[in-house]
Amino acid sequence: MASQLVFALDGAGLTGKVAVVTDGQLSGLVNKGIVVGEVSPEAAKGGALALVRDGDMIRIDVPGRTADLDVPVGELDRRKAALAASPPGQPAEVGWLSVYQRLVRPLPEGAVLRPKGARE
């Protein structure tokens, strides 16, 4: 689905004008514009990505290698409080998601496989 969105934005002439940030998986063919995908693990652990909501503005500075959520501090505080009151579910115990959760490092660490025997 995320790949289709990127191609639709390109078809609408919006490449370079918008970025796509998604928890969806992207095919290797998606190389148009700024795209950040597969952000689920960080959001599930209550990281900053867990505070992003549909429609939020995110300022991305590619040369500066930063992304800033353009939401008032008071709103972010409310979101943090709500997240603390209702934390994300427990990790999956079986299935492919459980394998991914156990074996893959977070995106900021390269989303690479953990060395054998390594823990979080």
PDB file of N, CA and C in Angstrom:
ATOM      1  N   MET A   1       0.811  -1.184   0.000  1.00  0.00           N
ATOM      2  CA  MET A   1       0.000   0.000   0.000  1.00  0.00           C
ATOM      3  C   MET A   1       0.864   1.261   0.000  1.00  0.00           C
ATOM      4  N   ALA A   2       1.924   1.281   0.794  1.00  0.00           N
ATOM      5  CA  ALA A   2       2.775   2.462   0.870  1.00  0.00           C
ATOM      6  C   ALA A   2       3.425   2.746  -0.478  1.00  0.00           C
ATOM      7  N   SER A   3       3.853   1.684  -1.168  1.00  0.00           N
ATOM      8  CA  SER A   3       4.470   1.868  -2.480  1.00  0.00           C
ATOM      9  C   SER A   3       3.487   2.509  -3.453  1.00  0.00           C
ATOM     10  N   GLN A   4       2.224   2.077  -3.396  1.00  0.00           N
ATOM     11  CA  GLN A   4       1.210   2.644  -4.288  1.00  0.00           C
ATOM     12  C   GLN A   4       1.013   4.125  -3.996  1.00  0.00           C
ATOM     13  N   LEU A   5       1.073   4.502  -2.711  1.00  0.00           N
ATOM     14  CA  LEU A   5       0.937   5.910  -2.343  1.00  0.00           C
ATOM     15  C   LEU A   5       2.064   6.733  -2.942  1.00  0.00           C
ATOM     16  N   VAL A   6       3.283   6.220  -2.862  1.00  0.00           N
ATOM     17  CA  VAL A   6       4.430   6.944  -3.419  1.00  0.00           C
ATOM     18  C   VAL A   6       4.255   7.140  -4.914  1.00  0.00           C
ATOM     19  N   PHE A   7       3.820   6.101  -5.613  1.00  0.00           N
ATOM     20  CA  PHE A   7       3.620   6.213  -7.054  1.00  0.00           C
ATOM     21  C   PHE A   7       2.462   7.168  -7.382  1.00  0.00           C
ATOM     22  N   ALA A   8       1.419   7.168  -6.558  1.00  0.00           N
ATOM     23  CA  ALA A   8       0.298   8.094  -6.781  1.00  0.00           C
ATOM     24  C   ALA A   8       0.749   9.533  -6.593  1.00  0.00           C
ATOM     25  N   LEU A   9       1.551   9.783  -5.568  1.00  0.00           N
ATOM     26  CA  LEU A   9       2.069  11.142  -5.349  1.00  0.00           C
ATOM     27  C   LEU A   9       2.939  11.579  -6.520  1.00  0.00           C
ATOM     28  N   ASP A  10       3.742  10.661  -7.040  1.00  0.00           N
ATOM     29  CA  ASP A  10       4.578  10.979  -8.191  1.00  0.00           C
ATOM     30  C   ASP A  10       3.703  11.310  -9.395  1.00  0.00           C
ATOM     31  N   GLY A  11       2.667  10.507  -9.603  1.00  0.00           N
ATOM     32  CA  GLY A  11       1.756  10.755 -10.722  1.00  0.00           C
ATOM     33  C   GLY A  11       1.034  12.090 -10.608  1.00  0.00           C
ATOM     34  N   ALA A  12       0.831  12.549  -9.371  1.00  0.00           N
ATOM     35  CA  ALA A  12       0.165  13.834  -9.152  1.00  0.00           C
ATOM     36  C   ALA A  12       1.151  15.000  -9.200  1.00  0.00           C
ATOM     37  N   GLY A  13       2.426  14.703  -9.480  1.00  0.00           N
ATOM     38  CA  GLY A  13       3.430  15.770  -9.567  1.00  0.00           C
ATOM     39  C   GLY A  13       3.897  16.288  -8.214  1.00  0.00           C
ATOM     40  N   LEU A  14       3.770  15.482  -7.168  1.00  0.00           N
ATOM     41  CA  LEU A  14       4.120  15.945  -5.826  1.00  0.00           C
ATOM     42  C   LEU A  14       5.473  15.447  -5.327  1.00  0.00           C
ATOM     43  N   THR A  15       6.203  14.694  -6.164  1.00  0.00           N
ATOM     44  CA  THR A  15       7.534  14.235  -5.759  1.00  0.00           C
ATOM     45  C   THR A  15       8.399  15.455  -5.453  1.00  0.00           C
ATOM     46  N   GLY A  16       9.045  15.437  -4.299  1.00  0.00           N
ATOM     47  CA  GLY A  16       9.880  16.558  -3.894  1.00  0.00           C
ATOM     48  C   GLY A  16       9.128  17.624  -3.125  1.00  0.00           C
ATOM     49  N   LYS A  17       7.806  17.532  -3.089  1.00  0.00           N
ATOM     50  CA  LYS A  17       6.988  18.510  -2.365  1.00  0.00           C
ATOM     51  C   LYS A  17       6.417  17.931  -1.081  1.00  0.00           C
ATOM     52  N   VAL A  18       6.305  16.614  -1.008  1.00  0.00           N
ATOM     53  CA  VAL A  18       5.797  15.935   0.186  1.00  0.00           C
ATOM     54  C   VAL A  18       6.690  14.736   0.474  1.00  0.00           C
ATOM     55  N   ALA A  19       6.633  14.274   1.706  1.00  0.00           N
ATOM     56  CA  ALA A  19       7.346  13.065   2.096  1.00  0.00           C
ATOM     57  C   ALA A  19       6.317  12.055   2.580  1.00  0.00           C
ATOM     58  N   VAL A  20       6.665  10.798   2.511  1.00  0.00           N
ATOM     59  CA  VAL A  20       5.800   9.746   3.002  1.00  0.00           C
ATOM     60  C   VAL A  20       6.509   9.083   4.189  1.00  0.00           C
ATOM     61  N   VAL A  21       5.841   9.084   5.341  1.00  0.00           N
ATOM     62  CA  VAL A  21       6.327   8.377   6.524  1.00  0.00           C
ATOM     63  C   VAL A  21       5.250   7.354   6.849  1.00  0.00           C
ATOM     64  N   THR A  22       5.623   6.075   6.857  1.00  0.00           N
ATOM     65  CA  THR A  22       4.622   5.030   6.986  1.00  0.00           C
ATOM     66  C   THR A  22       5.143   3.841   7.781  1.00  0.00           C
ATOM     67  N   ASP A  23       4.219   3.111   8.378  1.00  0.00           N
ATOM     68  CA  ASP A  23       4.617   1.849   9.001  1.00  0.00           C
ATOM     69  C   ASP A  23       4.489   0.719   7.980  1.00  0.00           C
ATOM     70  N   GLY A  24       4.145   1.073   6.758  1.00  0.00           N
ATOM     71  CA  GLY A  24       4.002   0.074   5.705  1.00  0.00           C
ATOM     72  C   GLY A  24       5.331  -0.345   5.119  1.00  0.00           C
ATOM     73  N   GLN A  25       5.295  -1.499   4.467  1.00  0.00           N
ATOM     74  CA  GLN A  25       6.484  -2.019   3.808  1.00  0.00           C
ATOM     75  C   GLN A  25       6.563  -1.426   2.410  1.00  0.00           C
ATOM     76  N   LEU A  26       7.774  -1.135   1.961  1.00  0.00           N
ATOM     77  CA  LEU A  26       7.979  -0.534   0.650  1.00  0.00           C
ATOM     78  C   LEU A  26       8.749  -1.494  -0.241  1.00  0.00           C
ATOM     79  N   SER A  27       8.374  -1.529  -1.508  1.00  0.00           N
ATOM     80  CA  SER A  27       9.121  -2.371  -2.439  1.00  0.00           C
ATOM     81  C   SER A  27      10.424  -1.667  -2.784  1.00  0.00           C
ATOM     82  N   GLY A  28      11.361  -2.402  -3.322  1.00  0.00           N
ATOM     83  CA  GLY A  28      12.646  -1.832  -3.720  1.00  0.00           C
ATOM     84  C   GLY A  28      12.531  -0.867  -4.877  1.00  0.00           C
ATOM     85  N   LEU A  29      11.367  -0.788  -5.498  1.00  0.00           N
ATOM     86  CA  LEU A  29      11.185   0.096  -6.644  1.00  0.00           C
ATOM     87  C   LEU A  29      10.834   1.524  -6.240  1.00  0.00           C
ATOM     88  N   VAL A  30      10.577   1.728  -4.962  1.00  0.00           N
ATOM     89  CA  VAL A  30      10.156   3.055  -4.512  1.00  0.00           C
ATOM     90  C   VAL A  30      11.402   3.891  -4.256  1.00  0.00           C
ATOM     91  N   ASN A  31      11.729   4.736  -5.194  1.00  0.00           N
ATOM     92  CA  ASN A  31      12.896   5.593  -5.031  1.00  0.00           C
ATOM     93  C   ASN A  31      12.585   7.005  -5.507  1.00  0.00           C
ATOM     94  N   LYS A  32      11.378   7.433  -5.252  1.00  0.00           N
ATOM     95  CA  LYS A  32      10.942   8.760  -5.685  1.00  0.00           C
ATOM     96  C   LYS A  32      10.662   9.622  -4.470  1.00  0.00           C
ATOM     97  N   GLY A  33      11.370  10.713  -4.338  1.00  0.00           N
ATOM     98  CA  GLY A  33      11.123  11.630  -3.246  1.00  0.00           C
ATOM     99  C   GLY A  33      11.641  11.112  -1.915  1.00  0.00           C
ATOM    100  N   ILE A  34      11.129  11.704  -0.839  1.00  0.00           N
ATOM    101  CA  ILE A  34      11.546  11.329   0.517  1.00  0.00           C
ATOM    102  C   ILE A  34      10.535  10.334   1.064  1.00  0.00           C
ATOM    103  N   VAL A  35      11.022   9.143   1.400  1.00  0.00           N
ATOM    104  CA  VAL A  35      10.157   8.087   1.904  1.00  0.00           C
ATOM    105  C   VAL A  35      10.832   7.433   3.109  1.00  0.00           C
ATOM    106  N   VAL A  36      10.094   7.335   4.196  1.00  0.00           N
ATOM    107  CA  VAL A  36      10.562   6.634   5.396  1.00  0.00           C
ATOM    108  C   VAL A  36       9.532   5.564   5.679  1.00  0.00           C
ATOM    109  N   GLY A  37       9.963   4.319   5.676  1.00  0.00           N
ATOM    110  CA  GLY A  37       9.012   3.234   5.847  1.00  0.00           C
ATOM    111  C   GLY A  37       9.353   2.293   6.975  1.00  0.00           C
ATOM    112  N   GLU A  38       8.390   1.439   7.276  1.00  0.00           N
ATOM    113  CA  GLU A  38       8.538   0.385   8.268  1.00  0.00           C
ATOM    114  C   GLU A  38       8.968   0.932   9.627  1.00  0.00           C
ATOM    115  N   VAL A  39       8.224   1.915  10.126  1.00  0.00           N
ATOM    116  CA  VAL A  39       8.563   2.563  11.398  1.00  0.00           C
ATOM    117  C   VAL A  39       7.880   1.917  12.601  1.00  0.00           C
ATOM    118  N   SER A  40       7.175   0.817  12.378  1.00  0.00           N
ATOM    119  CA  SER A  40       6.394   0.185  13.449  1.00  0.00           C
ATOM    120  C   SER A  40       7.167  -0.157  14.718  1.00  0.00           C
ATOM    121  N   PRO A  41       8.356  -0.772  14.645  1.00  0.00           N
ATOM    122  CA  PRO A  41       9.006  -1.169  15.899  1.00  0.00           C
ATOM    123  C   PRO A  41       9.271  -0.008  16.850  1.00  0.00           C
ATOM    124  N   GLU A  42       9.729   1.116  16.327  1.00  0.00           N
ATOM    125  CA  GLU A  42      10.031   2.249  17.189  1.00  0.00           C
ATOM    126  C   GLU A  42       8.752   2.824  17.799  1.00  0.00           C
ATOM    127  N   ALA A  43       7.713   2.918  17.018  1.00  0.00           N
ATOM    128  CA  ALA A  43       6.439   3.434  17.524  1.00  0.00           C
ATOM    129  C   ALA A  43       5.857   2.485  18.565  1.00  0.00           C
ATOM    130  N   ALA A  44       5.972   1.192  18.332  1.00  0.00           N
ATOM    131  CA  ALA A  44       5.423   0.208  19.270  1.00  0.00           C
ATOM    132  C   ALA A  44       6.118   0.249  20.614  1.00  0.00           C
ATOM    133  N   LYS A  45       7.358   0.677  20.639  1.00  0.00           N
ATOM    134  CA  LYS A  45       8.099   0.758  21.897  1.00  0.00           C
ATOM    135  C   LYS A  45       7.882   2.099  22.588  1.00  0.00           C
ATOM    136  N   GLY A  46       6.987   2.919  22.066  1.00  0.00           N
ATOM    137  CA  GLY A  46       6.680   4.194  22.705  1.00  0.00           C
ATOM    138  C   GLY A  46       7.649   5.305  22.348  1.00  0.00           C
ATOM    139  N   GLY A  47       8.432   5.112  21.289  1.00  0.00           N
ATOM    140  CA  GLY A  47       9.372   6.139  20.850  1.00  0.00           C
ATOM    141  C   GLY A  47       8.640   7.346  20.287  1.00  0.00           C
ATOM    142  N   ALA A  48       9.403   8.329  19.853  1.00  0.00           N
ATOM    143  CA  ALA A  48       8.820   9.576  19.346  1.00  0.00           C
ATOM    144  C   ALA A  48       7.826   9.329  18.209  1.00  0.00           C
ATOM    145  N   LEU A  49       8.063   8.303  17.417  1.00  0.00           N
ATOM    146  CA  LEU A  49       7.154   8.019  16.302  1.00  0.00           C
ATOM    147  C   LEU A  49       5.759   7.634  16.781  1.00  0.00           C
ATOM    148  N   ALA A  50       5.655   7.183  18.027  1.00  0.00           N
ATOM    149  CA  ALA A  50       4.345   6.816  18.580  1.00  0.00           C
ATOM    150  C   ALA A  50       3.462   8.042  18.780  1.00  0.00           C
ATOM    151  N   LEU A  51       4.041   9.231  18.765  1.00  0.00           N
ATOM    152  CA  LEU A  51       3.288  10.468  19.002  1.00  0.00           C
ATOM    153  C   LEU A  51       2.731  11.072  17.719  1.00  0.00           C
ATOM    154  N   VAL A  52       3.170  10.592  16.568  1.00  0.00           N
ATOM    155  CA  VAL A  52       2.734  11.145  15.281  1.00  0.00           C
ATOM    156  C   VAL A  52       1.315  10.672  14.983  1.00  0.00           C
ATOM    157  N   ARG A  53       0.485  11.584  14.498  1.00  0.00           N
ATOM    158  CA  ARG A  53      -0.897  11.279  14.118  1.00  0.00           C
ATOM    159  C   ARG A  53      -1.114  11.663  12.659  1.00  0.00           C
ATOM    160  N   ASP A  54      -2.090  11.014  12.029  1.00  0.00           N
ATOM    161  CA  ASP A  54      -2.437  11.362  10.645  1.00  0.00           C
ATOM    162  C   ASP A  54      -2.659  12.861  10.546  1.00  0.00           C
ATOM    163  N   GLY A  55      -2.088  13.459   9.521  1.00  0.00           N
ATOM    164  CA  GLY A  55      -2.276  14.886   9.285  1.00  0.00           C
ATOM    165  C   GLY A  55      -1.237  15.770   9.936  1.00  0.00           C
ATOM    166  N   ASP A  56      -0.397  15.231  10.830  1.00  0.00           N
ATOM    167  CA  ASP A  56       0.655  16.040  11.454  1.00  0.00           C
ATOM    168  C   ASP A  56       1.649  16.505  10.400  1.00  0.00           C
ATOM    169  N   MET A  57       2.170  17.689  10.606  1.00  0.00           N
ATOM    170  CA  MET A  57       3.224  18.207   9.737  1.00  0.00           C
ATOM    171  C   MET A  57       4.572  17.788  10.309  1.00  0.00           C
ATOM    172  N   ILE A  58       5.445  17.295   9.443  1.00  0.00           N
ATOM    173  CA  ILE A  58       6.784  16.889   9.837  1.00  0.00           C
ATOM    174  C   ILE A  58       7.762  17.641   8.942  1.00  0.00           C
ATOM    175  N   ARG A  59       8.673  18.395   9.571  1.00  0.00           N
ATOM    176  CA  ARG A  59       9.692  19.128   8.813  1.00  0.00           C
ATOM    177  C   ARG A  59      10.905  18.226   8.658  1.00  0.00           C
ATOM    178  N   ILE A  60      11.316  17.968   7.424  1.00  0.00           N
ATOM    179  CA  ILE A  60      12.449  17.087   7.149  1.00  0.00           C
ATOM    180  C   ILE A  60      13.558  17.907   6.504  1.00  0.00           C
ATOM    181  N   ASP A  61      14.718  17.878   7.137  1.00  0.00           N
ATOM    182  CA  ASP A  61      15.909  18.553   6.636  1.00  0.00           C
ATOM    183  C   ASP A  61      16.879  17.463   6.202  1.00  0.00           C
ATOM    184  N   VAL A  62      16.887  17.147   4.913  1.00  0.00           N
ATOM    185  CA  VAL A  62      17.708  16.047   4.422  1.00  0.00           C
ATOM    186  C   VAL A  62      19.194  16.324   4.644  1.00  0.00           C
ATOM    187  N   PRO A  63      19.724  17.497   4.227  1.00  0.00           N
ATOM    188  CA  PRO A  63      21.158  17.724   4.468  1.00  0.00           C
ATOM    189  C   PRO A  63      21.509  17.724   5.966  1.00  0.00           C
ATOM    190  N   GLY A  64      20.608  18.247   6.795  1.00  0.00           N
ATOM    191  CA  GLY A  64      20.851  18.293   8.229  1.00  0.00           C
ATOM    192  C   GLY A  64      20.548  16.986   8.936  1.00  0.00           C
ATOM    193  N   ARG A  65      19.940  16.045   8.200  1.00  0.00           N
ATOM    194  CA  ARG A  65      19.595  14.709   8.714  1.00  0.00           C
ATOM    195  C   ARG A  65      18.705  14.792   9.958  1.00  0.00           C
ATOM    196  N   THR A  66      17.674  15.659   9.886  1.00  0.00           N
ATOM    197  CA  THR A  66      16.735  15.768  11.002  1.00  0.00           C
ATOM    198  C   THR A  66      15.300  15.699  10.483  1.00  0.00           C
ATOM    199  N   ALA A  67      14.423  15.278  11.362  1.00  0.00           N
ATOM    200  CA  ALA A  67      12.987  15.293  11.099  1.00  0.00           C
ATOM    201  C   ALA A  67      12.339  15.786  12.386  1.00  0.00           C
ATOM    202  N   ASP A  68      11.546  16.844  12.289  1.00  0.00           N
ATOM    203  CA  ASP A  68      10.917  17.439  13.461  1.00  0.00           C
ATOM    204  C   ASP A  68       9.406  17.426  13.304  1.00  0.00           C
ATOM    205  N   LEU A  69       8.738  16.982  14.355  1.00  0.00           N
ATOM    206  CA  LEU A  69       7.285  16.946  14.388  1.00  0.00           C
ATOM    207  C   LEU A  69       6.790  18.347  14.725  1.00  0.00           C
ATOM    208  N   ASP A  70       6.036  18.953  13.831  1.00  0.00           N
ATOM    209  CA  ASP A  70       5.563  20.332  13.989  1.00  0.00           C
ATOM    210  C   ASP A  70       4.200  20.330  14.684  1.00  0.00           C
ATOM    211  N   VAL A  71       4.227  20.014  15.980  1.00  0.00           N
ATOM    212  CA  VAL A  71       3.020  19.932  16.806  1.00  0.00           C
ATOM    213  C   VAL A  71       3.303  20.703  18.087  1.00  0.00           C
ATOM    214  N   PRO A  72       2.360  21.498  18.583  1.00  0.00           N
ATOM    215  CA  PRO A  72       2.594  22.260  19.812  1.00  0.00           C
ATOM    216  C   PRO A  72       2.992  21.352  20.981  1.00  0.00           C
ATOM    217  N   VAL A  73       3.868  21.868  21.838  1.00  0.00           N
ATOM    218  CA  VAL A  73       4.380  21.111  22.975  1.00  0.00           C
ATOM    219  C   VAL A  73       3.244  20.587  23.857  1.00  0.00           C
ATOM    220  N   GLY A  74       2.220  21.399  24.101  1.00  0.00           N
ATOM    221  CA  GLY A  74       1.090  20.966  24.925  1.00  0.00           C
ATOM    222  C   GLY A  74       0.389  19.749  24.356  1.00  0.00           C
ATOM    223  N   GLU A  75       0.228  19.718  23.036  1.00  0.00           N
ATOM    224  CA  GLU A  75      -0.398  18.568  22.384  1.00  0.00           C
ATOM    225  C   GLU A  75       0.489  17.333  22.504  1.00  0.00           C
ATOM    226  N   LEU A  76       1.807  17.505  22.330  1.00  0.00           N
ATOM    227  CA  LEU A  76       2.721  16.370  22.489  1.00  0.00           C
ATOM    228  C   LEU A  76       2.667  15.831  23.919  1.00  0.00           C
ATOM    229  N   ASP A  77       2.572  16.739  24.901  1.00  0.00           N
ATOM    230  CA  ASP A  77       2.458  16.306  26.301  1.00  0.00           C
ATOM    231  C   ASP A  77       1.187  15.482  26.516  1.00  0.00           C
ATOM    232  N   ARG A  78       0.072  15.919  25.902  1.00  0.00           N
ATOM    233  CA  ARG A  78      -1.184  15.167  26.020  1.00  0.00           C
ATOM    234  C   ARG A  78      -1.049  13.778  25.393  1.00  0.00           C
ATOM    235  N   ARG A  79      -0.394  13.721  24.244  1.00  0.00           N
ATOM    236  CA  ARG A  79      -0.204  12.437  23.571  1.00  0.00           C
ATOM    237  C   ARG A  79       0.684  11.500  24.392  1.00  0.00           C
ATOM    238  N   LYS A  80       1.740  12.070  24.993  1.00  0.00           N
ATOM    239  CA  LYS A  80       2.630  11.256  25.835  1.00  0.00           C
ATOM    240  C   LYS A  80       1.867  10.701  27.032  1.00  0.00           C
ATOM    241  N   ALA A  81       1.039  11.545  27.649  1.00  0.00           N
ATOM    242  CA  ALA A  81       0.259  11.102  28.809  1.00  0.00           C
ATOM    243  C   ALA A  81      -0.711   9.991  28.414  1.00  0.00           C
ATOM    244  N   ALA A  82      -1.354  10.146  27.265  1.00  0.00           N
ATOM    245  CA  ALA A  82      -2.296   9.131  26.796  1.00  0.00           C
ATOM    246  C   ALA A  82      -1.567   7.821  26.489  1.00  0.00           C
ATOM    247  N   LEU A  83      -0.378   7.930  25.934  1.00  0.00           N
ATOM    248  CA  LEU A  83       0.415   6.742  25.620  1.00  0.00           C
ATOM    249  C   LEU A  83       0.841   6.029  26.903  1.00  0.00           C
ATOM    250  N   ALA A  84       1.222   6.807  27.905  1.00  0.00           N
ATOM    251  CA  ALA A  84       1.635   6.220  29.188  1.00  0.00           C
ATOM    252  C   ALA A  84       0.456   5.529  29.870  1.00  0.00           C
ATOM    253  N   ALA A  85      -0.741   6.090  29.713  1.00  0.00           N
ATOM    254  CA  ALA A  85      -1.933   5.518  30.342  1.00  0.00           C
ATOM    255  C   ALA A  85      -2.389   4.247  29.641  1.00  0.00           C
ATOM    256  N   SER A  86      -2.057   4.124  28.370  1.00  0.00           N
ATOM    257  CA  SER A  86      -2.474   2.954  27.592  1.00  0.00           C
ATOM    258  C   SER A  86      -1.311   2.511  26.700  1.00  0.00           C
ATOM    259  N   PRO A  87      -0.286   1.867  27.306  1.00  0.00           N
ATOM    260  CA  PRO A  87       0.897   1.489  26.528  1.00  0.00           C
ATOM    261  C   PRO A  87       0.577   0.477  25.438  1.00  0.00           C
ATOM    262  N   PRO A  88       1.451   0.416  24.410  1.00  0.00           N
ATOM    263  CA  PRO A  88       1.248  -0.550  23.324  1.00  0.00           C
ATOM    264  C   PRO A  88       1.225  -1.979  23.856  1.00  0.00           C
ATOM    265  N   GLY A  89       0.638  -2.861  23.082  1.00  0.00           N
ATOM    266  CA  GLY A  89       0.526  -4.266  23.482  1.00  0.00           C
ATOM    267  C   GLY A  89       1.874  -4.955  23.629  1.00  0.00           C
ATOM    268  N   GLN A  90       1.822  -6.138  24.166  1.00  0.00           N
ATOM    269  CA  GLN A  90       3.016  -6.956  24.359  1.00  0.00           C
ATOM    270  C   GLN A  90       3.530  -7.453  23.006  1.00  0.00           C
ATOM    271  N   PRO A  91       4.826  -7.772  22.951  1.00  0.00           N
ATOM    272  CA  PRO A  91       5.370  -8.329  21.706  1.00  0.00           C
ATOM    273  C   PRO A  91       4.646  -9.619  21.333  1.00  0.00           C
ATOM    274  N   ALA A  92       4.603  -9.882  20.059  1.00  0.00           N
ATOM    275  CA  ALA A  92       3.982 -11.117  19.573  1.00  0.00           C
ATOM    276  C   ALA A  92       4.765 -12.314  20.095  1.00  0.00           C
ATOM    277  N   GLU A  93       4.076 -13.381  20.405  1.00  0.00           N
ATOM    278  CA  GLU A  93       4.744 -14.576  20.919  1.00  0.00           C
ATOM    279  C   GLU A  93       5.044 -15.593  19.831  1.00  0.00           C
ATOM    280  N   VAL A  94       4.238 -15.579  18.772  1.00  0.00           N
ATOM    281  CA  VAL A  94       4.434 -16.529  17.679  1.00  0.00           C
ATOM    282  C   VAL A  94       4.266 -15.801  16.352  1.00  0.00           C
ATOM    283  N   GLY A  95       4.697 -16.428  15.287  1.00  0.00           N
ATOM    284  CA  GLY A  95       4.520 -15.880  13.945  1.00  0.00           C
ATOM    285  C   GLY A  95       5.697 -15.027  13.496  1.00  0.00           C
ATOM    286  N   TRP A  96       5.590 -14.533  12.261  1.00  0.00           N
ATOM    287  CA  TRP A  96       6.677 -13.767  11.661  1.00  0.00           C
ATOM    288  C   TRP A  96       6.964 -12.480  12.410  1.00  0.00           C
ATOM    289  N   LEU A  97       5.940 -11.832  12.956  1.00  0.00           N
ATOM    290  CA  LEU A  97       6.188 -10.589  13.692  1.00  0.00           C
ATOM    291  C   LEU A  97       7.054 -10.857  14.915  1.00  0.00           C
ATOM    292  N   SER A  98       6.834 -11.977  15.586  1.00  0.00           N
ATOM    293  CA  SER A  98       7.645 -12.300  16.763  1.00  0.00           C
ATOM    294  C   SER A  98       9.107 -12.534  16.361  1.00  0.00           C
ATOM    295  N   VAL A  99       9.319 -13.176  15.226  1.00  0.00           N
ATOM    296  CA  VAL A  99      10.680 -13.406  14.734  1.00  0.00           C
ATOM    297  C   VAL A  99      11.344 -12.064  14.448  1.00  0.00           C
ATOM    298  N   TYR A 100      10.617 -11.169  13.760  1.00  0.00           N
ATOM    299  CA  TYR A 100      11.146  -9.838  13.437  1.00  0.00           C
ATOM    300  C   TYR A 100      11.491  -9.078  14.714  1.00  0.00           C
ATOM    301  N   GLN A 101      10.590  -9.088  15.685  1.00  0.00           N
ATOM    302  CA  GLN A 101      10.815  -8.352  16.926  1.00  0.00           C
ATOM    303  C   GLN A 101      12.041  -8.863  17.677  1.00  0.00           C
ATOM    304  N   ARG A 102      12.280 -10.136  17.640  1.00  0.00           N
ATOM    305  CA  ARG A 102      13.416 -10.716  18.366  1.00  0.00           C
ATOM    306  C   ARG A 102      14.741 -10.539  17.640  1.00  0.00           C
ATOM    307  N   LEU A 103      14.715 -10.540  16.298  1.00  0.00           N
ATOM    308  CA  LEU A 103      15.962 -10.640  15.546  1.00  0.00           C
ATOM    309  C   LEU A 103      16.432  -9.368  14.844  1.00  0.00           C
ATOM    310  N   VAL A 104      15.588  -8.356  14.728  1.00  0.00           N
ATOM    311  CA  VAL A 104      15.967  -7.178  13.947  1.00  0.00           C
ATOM    312  C   VAL A 104      16.166  -5.973  14.858  1.00  0.00           C
ATOM    313  N   ARG A 105      17.273  -5.259  14.642  1.00  0.00           N
ATOM    314  CA  ARG A 105      17.568  -4.048  15.413  1.00  0.00           C
ATOM    315  C   ARG A 105      16.629  -2.923  14.969  1.00  0.00           C
ATOM    316  N   PRO A 106      16.411  -1.911  15.824  1.00  0.00           N
ATOM    317  CA  PRO A 106      15.565  -0.776  15.449  1.00  0.00           C
ATOM    318  C   PRO A 106      16.126  -0.022  14.238  1.00  0.00           C
ATOM    319  N   LEU A 107      15.265   0.714  13.561  1.00  0.00           N
ATOM    320  CA  LEU A 107      15.650   1.458  12.367  1.00  0.00           C
ATOM    321  C   LEU A 107      16.856   2.378  12.592  1.00  0.00           C
ATOM    322  N   PRO A 108      16.931   3.129  13.724  1.00  0.00           N
ATOM    323  CA  PRO A 108      18.107   3.993  13.916  1.00  0.00           C
ATOM    324  C   PRO A 108      19.427   3.215  13.985  1.00  0.00           C
ATOM    325  N   GLU A 109      19.333   1.914  14.243  1.00  0.00           N
ATOM    326  CA  GLU A 109      20.527   1.066  14.286  1.00  0.00           C
ATOM    327  C   GLU A 109      20.708   0.305  12.988  1.00  0.00           C
ATOM    328  N   GLY A 110      19.944   0.650  11.979  1.00  0.00           N
ATOM    329  CA  GLY A 110      20.106   0.070  10.655  1.00  0.00           C
ATOM    330  C   GLY A 110      19.130  -1.021  10.285  1.00  0.00           C
ATOM    331  N   ALA A 111      18.222  -1.401  11.194  1.00  0.00           N
ATOM    332  CA  ALA A 111      17.239  -2.455  10.936  1.00  0.00           C
ATOM    333  C   ALA A 111      17.908  -3.724  10.417  1.00  0.00           C
ATOM    334  N   VAL A 112      19.086  -4.015  10.955  1.00  0.00           N
ATOM    335  CA  VAL A 112      19.832  -5.207  10.570  1.00  0.00           C
ATOM    336  C   VAL A 112      19.596  -6.310  11.594  1.00  0.00           C
ATOM    337  N   LEU A 113      19.951  -7.529  11.241  1.00  0.00           N
ATOM    338  CA  LEU A 113      19.796  -8.645  12.165  1.00  0.00           C
ATOM    339  C   LEU A 113      20.712  -8.473  13.368  1.00  0.00           C
ATOM    340  N   ARG A 114      20.210  -8.802  14.532  1.00  0.00           N
ATOM    341  CA  ARG A 114      21.026  -8.770  15.751  1.00  0.00           C
ATOM    342  C   ARG A 114      22.033  -9.916  15.689  1.00  0.00           C
ATOM    343  N   PRO A 115      23.213  -9.716  16.263  1.00  0.00           N
ATOM    344  CA  PRO A 115      24.176 -10.832  16.335  1.00  0.00           C
ATOM    345  C   PRO A 115      23.587 -11.966  17.182  1.00  0.00           C
ATOM    346  N   LYS A 116      23.993 -13.169  16.917  1.00  0.00           N
ATOM    347  CA  LYS A 116      23.491 -14.329  17.646  1.00  0.00           C
ATOM    348  C   LYS A 116      23.713 -14.139  19.148  1.00  0.00           C
ATOM    349  N   GLY A 117      22.649 -14.349  19.924  1.00  0.00           N
ATOM    350  CA  GLY A 117      22.729 -14.227  21.382  1.00  0.00           C
ATOM    351  C   GLY A 117      22.555 -12.815  21.911  1.00  0.00           C
ATOM    352  N   ALA A 118      22.475 -11.809  21.048  1.00  0.00           N
ATOM    353  CA  ALA A 118      22.346 -10.415  21.496  1.00  0.00           C
ATOM    354  C   ALA A 118      20.943 -10.149  22.012  1.00  0.00           C
ATOM    355  N   ARG A 119      20.831  -9.341  23.021  1.00  0.00           N
ATOM    356  CA  ARG A 119      19.547  -8.906  23.594  1.00  0.00           C
ATOM    357  C   ARG A 119      19.413  -7.412  23.387  1.00  0.00           C
ATOM    358  N   GLU A 120      18.183  -6.908  23.558  1.00  0.00           N
ATOM    359  CA  GLU A 120      17.951  -5.455  23.431  1.00  0.00           C
ATOM    360  C   GLU A 120      18.675  -4.711  24.508  1.00  0.00           C
TER     361      GLU A 120
END
